[in-house]
Amino acid sequence: MLNVVFLTNSWLASFNQPALCITVAVLLHYFLLAAFTWMCLESVQFYLALVKVFNVYVPKYILKCSIAGWGIPALVISTVLFINKDFYGDGSHSESNPFSNFCWIQENTVFYISVVAYIFFIFLINAAMFITVLLQIHSMKSRTHKRSSFWRR
């Protein structure tokens, strides 16, 4: 959906309908955040599969992942819309090229907080999960090597 909204964004912005542009910008923002949230949930799944291998039963796990994957971005979007719906809109008003318009976040502060900081936070979580998994794999490899050298002796 992120790709579909992104590819149709300029075309829809060319209609010069503020409500349509706000809707497209909100959808683009939502699906971008949802994509990164699901990427974060994949890293958590990676951690659970490789580090917490045994006794990892989470009741209604898929439901909880779905609520987090679709709900957290919805909370961010709802907060931005609650503060001011005019943060979204058409950034370029060029009459010579109607397809240069693009519906997106208009306020830089909102962009940095609701997109850049969000993605940076997801990146930190993913990096932490990745390092933890690498350390776990390394410790398993060293334990296996110690056991095999013991049995060789």
Protein backbone atom coordinates (compact mmCIF):
# COMPACT_ATOMS: atom_id res chain seq x y z
CA MET A 1 0.00 0.00 0.00
CA LEU A 2 2.93 2.32 0.67
CA ASN A 3 4.09 1.91 -2.93
CA VAL A 4 0.59 2.42 -4.36
CA VAL A 5 0.00 5.60 -2.37
CA PHE A 6 3.48 6.90 -3.16
CA LEU A 7 3.12 6.28 -6.89
CA THR A 8 -0.33 7.86 -7.14
CA ASN A 9 0.49 10.77 -4.84
CA SER A 10 1.53 13.30 -7.52
CA TRP A 11 -1.45 12.45 -9.70
CA LEU A 12 -3.90 12.84 -6.83
CA ALA A 13 -2.21 16.09 -5.74
CA SER A 14 -2.77 17.53 -9.21
CA PHE A 15 -6.55 17.70 -8.55
CA ASN A 16 -5.90 20.59 -6.11
CA GLN A 17 -8.38 19.24 -3.56
CA PRO A 18 -7.11 19.97 -0.02
CA ALA A 19 -9.13 17.19 1.59
CA LEU A 20 -7.86 14.65 -0.95
CA CYS A 21 -4.30 15.82 -0.47
CA ILE A 22 -4.56 15.55 3.31
CA THR A 23 -6.00 12.05 2.97
CA VAL A 24 -3.20 10.96 0.63
CA ALA A 25 -0.54 12.48 2.90
CA VAL A 26 -2.04 10.75 5.95
CA LEU A 27 -2.15 7.41 4.11
CA LEU A 28 1.43 7.80 2.91
CA HIS A 29 2.60 8.69 6.41
CA TYR A 30 0.62 5.84 7.96
CA PHE A 31 1.87 3.14 5.59
CA LEU A 32 5.46 4.36 5.90
CA LEU A 33 5.31 4.10 9.69
CA ALA A 34 3.50 0.76 9.48
CA ALA A 35 6.22 -0.66 7.23
CA PHE A 36 8.91 0.31 9.73
CA THR A 37 6.85 -0.92 12.68
CA TRP A 38 6.44 -4.32 11.02
CA MET A 39 10.18 -4.38 10.37
CA CYS A 40 10.71 -3.84 14.10
CA LEU A 41 8.29 -6.64 14.90
CA GLU A 42 10.25 -8.91 12.55
CA SER A 43 13.42 -8.18 14.53
CA VAL A 44 11.59 -9.05 17.75
CA GLN A 45 10.48 -12.32 16.14
CA PHE A 46 14.08 -12.93 15.06
CA TYR A 47 15.18 -12.40 18.67
CA LEU A 48 12.52 -14.75 20.03
CA ALA A 49 13.39 -17.45 17.50
CA LEU A 50 17.16 -17.39 17.99
CA VAL A 51 17.74 -16.22 21.57
CA LYS A 52 14.64 -17.17 23.57
CA VAL A 53 14.20 -20.45 21.73
CA PHE A 54 12.45 -22.46 24.43
CA ASN A 55 9.48 -21.58 26.65
CA VAL A 56 8.41 -18.62 24.55
CA TYR A 57 4.68 -18.91 24.50
CA VAL A 58 2.92 -15.60 24.08
CA PRO A 59 -0.87 -15.94 24.17
CA LYS A 60 -2.53 -14.47 21.07
CA TYR A 61 0.87 -13.52 19.66
CA ILE A 62 -0.34 -12.76 16.12
CA LEU A 63 -3.16 -10.59 17.45
CA LYS A 64 -0.74 -8.63 19.63
CA CYS A 65 1.68 -8.19 16.72
CA SER A 66 -1.15 -7.02 14.49
CA ILE A 67 -2.37 -4.52 17.06
CA ALA A 68 1.17 -3.19 17.48
CA GLY A 69 1.98 -3.24 13.76
CA TRP A 70 -1.13 -1.36 12.70
CA GLY A 71 -2.00 0.44 15.94
CA ILE A 72 1.23 2.23 16.86
CA PRO A 73 1.40 4.08 13.51
CA ALA A 74 -2.30 4.90 13.86
CA LEU A 75 -1.61 6.49 17.26
CA VAL A 76 1.15 8.65 15.77
CA ILE A 77 -1.06 9.73 12.86
CA SER A 78 -4.01 10.39 15.17
CA THR A 79 -1.84 12.55 17.40
CA VAL A 80 -0.60 14.62 14.46
CA LEU A 81 -4.15 15.00 13.11
CA PHE A 82 -5.46 15.90 16.57
CA ILE A 83 -2.87 18.65 16.96
CA ASN A 84 -3.47 20.16 13.52
CA LYS A 85 -4.73 18.51 10.34
CA ASP A 86 -3.07 21.27 8.31
CA PHE A 87 0.34 19.73 9.02
CA TYR A 88 -0.49 17.61 5.99
CA GLY A 89 -0.93 19.10 2.54
CA ASP A 90 0.54 19.98 -0.82
CA GLY A 91 4.14 21.06 -0.59
CA SER A 92 4.67 22.43 -4.07
CA HIS A 93 2.38 24.87 -5.85
CA SER A 94 3.96 25.05 -9.30
CA GLU A 95 1.46 25.99 -12.01
CA SER A 96 3.87 25.17 -14.87
CA ASN A 97 4.12 21.52 -13.89
CA PRO A 98 0.97 20.23 -12.16
CA PHE A 99 2.58 16.86 -11.41
CA SER A 100 5.34 18.45 -9.35
CA ASN A 101 2.87 18.59 -6.47
CA PHE A 102 3.25 16.07 -3.69
CA CYS A 103 1.05 15.57 -0.64
CA TRP A 104 3.13 15.15 2.49
CA ILE A 105 3.90 16.66 5.90
CA GLN A 106 4.32 20.44 5.61
CA GLU A 107 5.83 21.26 8.99
CA ASN A 108 9.52 20.36 9.44
CA THR A 109 9.24 19.82 13.19
CA VAL A 110 6.37 17.39 12.73
CA PHE A 111 8.33 15.58 10.02
CA TYR A 112 11.42 15.21 12.21
CA ILE A 113 9.46 14.01 15.22
CA SER A 114 6.88 11.76 13.57
CA VAL A 115 9.04 10.29 10.79
CA VAL A 116 12.77 10.73 11.40
CA ALA A 117 12.71 10.14 15.17
CA TYR A 118 10.29 7.22 14.76
CA ILE A 119 12.48 5.53 12.15
CA PHE A 120 15.61 6.23 14.21
CA PHE A 121 13.95 4.61 17.25
CA ILE A 122 13.05 1.55 15.14
CA PHE A 123 16.64 1.44 13.88
CA LEU A 124 17.97 1.42 17.46
CA ILE A 125 15.65 -1.43 18.44
CA ASN A 126 16.64 -3.41 15.34
CA ALA A 127 20.34 -2.82 15.99
CA ALA A 128 19.96 -3.96 19.61
CA MET A 129 18.12 -7.11 18.53
CA PHE A 130 20.71 -7.82 15.84
CA ILE A 131 23.64 -7.43 18.24
CA THR A 132 21.91 -9.62 20.82
CA VAL A 133 21.30 -12.34 18.23
CA LEU A 134 24.91 -12.14 17.02
CA LEU A 135 26.20 -12.46 20.59
CA GLN A 136 23.92 -15.44 21.16
CA ILE A 137 25.12 -17.16 17.99
CA HIS A 138 28.74 -16.46 18.95
CA SER A 139 28.26 -17.87 22.46
CA MET A 140 26.55 -20.98 21.06
CA LYS A 141 29.44 -21.48 18.64
CA SER A 142 32.06 -21.12 21.38
CA ARG A 143 30.16 -23.54 23.68
CA THR A 144 29.92 -26.08 20.86
CA HIS A 145 33.62 -25.69 20.14
CA LYS A 146 34.51 -26.23 23.84
CA ARG A 147 32.34 -29.37 24.00
CA SER A 148 33.83 -30.85 20.83
CA SER A 149 37.41 -30.19 22.01
CA PHE A 150 36.52 -31.85 25.36
CA TRP A 151 35.25 -34.98 23.60
CA ARG A 152 38.28 -35.05 21.27
CA ARG A 153 40.60 -35.19 24.29
